[in-house]
Amino acid sequence: MSWMYELSAPIHVISGTPDPGRAGAHPSAATRIRPRLTVYAALGLVAVMILAALFHVQRGEFQNIIMNLMVAGLAGFVAYGRSRLAPIAEKQRSA
């Protein structure tokens, strides 16, 4: 990941921003509290990976694009699966 040292400080912050969102999406599915966040986090990761692939295309780093597209495909599968194929029901609130 030598290309990381060539980026400006704001780009480092932007590239690390999705990590807390991803970490927060898994407990929401496991606890069934706002499970829709899992779908949104997966869609956000798809967007980040597509932008990362475009970044690597500009730099001619084609070996990195394969991994970006694989992660985007897996995240897309999670988003589609949790929204259409096997959605998680939200926990019922007790009164």
C-alpha atoms as a PDB file:
ATOM      1  CA  MET A   1       0.000   0.000   0.000  1.00  0.00           C
ATOM      2  CA  SER A   2       2.774   2.403  -0.886  1.00  0.00           C
ATOM      3  CA  TRP A   3       0.232   4.647  -2.619  1.00  0.00           C
ATOM      4  CA  MET A   4      -1.174   5.662   0.797  1.00  0.00           C
ATOM      5  CA  TYR A   5       1.950   7.728   1.486  1.00  0.00           C
ATOM      6  CA  GLU A   6       1.315   9.789  -1.637  1.00  0.00           C
ATOM      7  CA  LEU A   7      -2.138  10.977  -0.516  1.00  0.00           C
ATOM      8  CA  SER A   8      -2.920  14.222   1.275  1.00  0.00           C
ATOM      9  CA  ALA A   9      -4.097  14.233   4.903  1.00  0.00           C
ATOM     10  CA  PRO A  10      -7.781  14.952   4.059  1.00  0.00           C
ATOM     11  CA  ILE A  11      -7.872  11.969   1.697  1.00  0.00           C
ATOM     12  CA  HIS A  12      -6.521   9.742   4.485  1.00  0.00           C
ATOM     13  CA  VAL A  13      -9.393  10.867   6.705  1.00  0.00           C
ATOM     14  CA  ILE A  14     -11.973  10.293   3.960  1.00  0.00           C
ATOM     15  CA  SER A  15     -10.640   6.838   3.141  1.00  0.00           C
ATOM     16  CA  GLY A  16     -10.822   5.793   6.811  1.00  0.00           C
ATOM     17  CA  THR A  17     -14.279   7.205   7.490  1.00  0.00           C
ATOM     18  CA  PRO A  18     -16.340   4.141   6.390  1.00  0.00           C
ATOM     19  CA  ASP A  19     -14.617   1.876   8.933  1.00  0.00           C
ATOM     20  CA  PRO A  20     -16.662   2.971  11.981  1.00  0.00           C
ATOM     21  CA  GLY A  21     -19.846   2.686   9.906  1.00  0.00           C
ATOM     22  CA  ARG A  22     -19.003  -0.865   8.944  1.00  0.00           C
ATOM     23  CA  ALA A  23     -18.244  -1.763  12.545  1.00  0.00           C
ATOM     24  CA  GLY A  24     -21.619  -0.376  13.638  1.00  0.00           C
ATOM     25  CA  ALA A  25     -23.593  -2.279  11.036  1.00  0.00           C
ATOM     26  CA  HIS A  26     -22.852  -5.782  12.274  1.00  0.00           C
ATOM     27  CA  PRO A  27     -24.270  -5.371  15.792  1.00  0.00           C
ATOM     28  CA  SER A  28     -27.440  -3.858  14.336  1.00  0.00           C
ATOM     29  CA  ALA A  29     -28.098  -7.075  12.410  1.00  0.00           C
ATOM     30  CA  ALA A  30     -27.060  -9.338  15.280  1.00  0.00           C
ATOM     31  CA  THR A  31     -29.223  -7.560  17.857  1.00  0.00           C
ATOM     32  CA  ARG A  32     -32.065  -6.925  15.389  1.00  0.00           C
ATOM     33  CA  ILE A  33     -32.073  -3.250  16.394  1.00  0.00           C
ATOM     34  CA  ARG A  34     -32.230  -1.183  13.202  1.00  0.00           C
ATOM     35  CA  PRO A  35     -31.127  -4.071  10.942  1.00  0.00           C
ATOM     36  CA  ARG A  36     -31.640  -1.827   7.922  1.00  0.00           C
ATOM     37  CA  LEU A  37     -28.308  -0.193   8.817  1.00  0.00           C
ATOM     38  CA  THR A  38     -26.593  -3.357   7.575  1.00  0.00           C
ATOM     39  CA  VAL A  39     -27.969  -2.741   4.086  1.00  0.00           C
ATOM     40  CA  TYR A  40     -26.954   0.920   4.129  1.00  0.00           C
ATOM     41  CA  ALA A  41     -23.455   0.120   5.369  1.00  0.00           C
ATOM     42  CA  ALA A  42     -23.024  -2.478   2.630  1.00  0.00           C
ATOM     43  CA  LEU A  43     -24.189  -0.013  -0.026  1.00  0.00           C
ATOM     44  CA  GLY A  44     -21.779   2.589   1.330  1.00  0.00           C
ATOM     45  CA  LEU A  45     -18.951   0.080   1.100  1.00  0.00           C
ATOM     46  CA  VAL A  46     -19.902  -0.678  -2.519  1.00  0.00           C
ATOM     47  CA  ALA A  47     -19.622   3.038  -3.318  1.00  0.00           C
ATOM     48  CA  VAL A  48     -16.248   3.345  -1.567  1.00  0.00           C
ATOM     49  CA  MET A  49     -14.848   0.304  -3.379  1.00  0.00           C
ATOM     50  CA  ILE A  50     -15.987   1.573  -6.771  1.00  0.00           C
ATOM     51  CA  LEU A  51     -14.352   4.934  -6.085  1.00  0.00           C
ATOM     52  CA  ALA A  52     -11.203   3.129  -4.939  1.00  0.00           C
ATOM     53  CA  ALA A  53     -11.149   1.111  -8.176  1.00  0.00           C
ATOM     54  CA  LEU A  54     -11.436   4.329 -10.191  1.00  0.00           C
ATOM     55  CA  PHE A  55      -8.564   5.787  -8.177  1.00  0.00           C
ATOM     56  CA  HIS A  56      -6.392   2.778  -8.992  1.00  0.00           C
ATOM     57  CA  VAL A  57      -7.344   2.933 -12.691  1.00  0.00           C
ATOM     58  CA  GLN A  58      -6.047   6.507 -12.820  1.00  0.00           C
ATOM     59  CA  ARG A  59      -2.761   5.386 -11.303  1.00  0.00           C
ATOM     60  CA  GLY A  60      -2.432   2.299 -13.513  1.00  0.00           C
ATOM     61  CA  GLU A  61      -2.474  -0.046 -10.492  1.00  0.00           C
ATOM     62  CA  PHE A  62      -4.579  -2.748 -12.060  1.00  0.00           C
ATOM     63  CA  GLN A  63      -3.679  -5.459  -9.526  1.00  0.00           C
ATOM     64  CA  ASN A  64      -5.482  -3.452  -6.805  1.00  0.00           C
ATOM     65  CA  ILE A  65      -8.667  -3.120  -8.853  1.00  0.00           C
ATOM     66  CA  ILE A  66      -9.403  -6.839  -8.633  1.00  0.00           C
ATOM     67  CA  MET A  67      -9.583  -6.738  -4.842  1.00  0.00           C
ATOM     68  CA  ASN A  68     -11.705  -3.561  -4.895  1.00  0.00           C
ATOM     69  CA  LEU A  69     -14.206  -5.181  -7.230  1.00  0.00           C
ATOM     70  CA  MET A  70     -14.292  -8.413  -5.214  1.00  0.00           C
ATOM     71  CA  VAL A  71     -15.070  -6.527  -1.991  1.00  0.00           C
ATOM     72  CA  ALA A  72     -17.674  -4.408  -3.828  1.00  0.00           C
ATOM     73  CA  GLY A  73     -19.300  -7.595  -5.148  1.00  0.00           C
ATOM     74  CA  LEU A  74     -19.437  -9.187  -1.711  1.00  0.00           C
ATOM     75  CA  ALA A  75     -20.849  -6.023  -0.147  1.00  0.00           C
ATOM     76  CA  GLY A  76     -23.412  -5.810  -2.950  1.00  0.00           C
ATOM     77  CA  PHE A  77     -24.397  -9.405  -2.258  1.00  0.00           C
ATOM     78  CA  VAL A  78     -24.877  -8.598   1.437  1.00  0.00           C
ATOM     79  CA  ALA A  79     -26.941  -5.513   0.595  1.00  0.00           C
ATOM     80  CA  TYR A  80     -29.155  -7.409  -1.841  1.00  0.00           C
ATOM     81  CA  GLY A  81     -29.433 -10.443   0.411  1.00  0.00           C
ATOM     82  CA  ARG A  82     -30.383  -8.468   3.504  1.00  0.00           C
ATOM     83  CA  SER A  83     -32.828  -6.241   1.653  1.00  0.00           C
ATOM     84  CA  ARG A  84     -34.540  -8.773  -0.630  1.00  0.00           C
ATOM     85  CA  LEU A  85     -33.569 -12.415  -0.103  1.00  0.00           C
ATOM     86  CA  ALA A  86     -33.333 -12.756   3.680  1.00  0.00           C
ATOM     87  CA  PRO A  87     -34.225  -9.515   5.443  1.00  0.00           C
ATOM     88  CA  ILE A  88     -33.800  -9.409   9.193  1.00  0.00           C
ATOM     89  CA  ALA A  89     -36.964  -8.522  11.075  1.00  0.00           C
ATOM     90  CA  GLU A  90     -36.645  -5.659  13.523  1.00  0.00           C
ATOM     91  CA  LYS A  91     -37.010  -6.580  17.188  1.00  0.00           C
ATOM     92  CA  GLN A  92     -40.459  -5.826  18.566  1.00  0.00           C
ATOM     93  CA  ARG A  93     -40.497  -3.182  21.266  1.00  0.00           C
ATOM     94  CA  SER A  94     -42.124  -4.077  24.529  1.00  0.00           C
ATOM     95  CA  ALA A  95     -44.502  -1.588  26.080  1.00  0.00           C
END
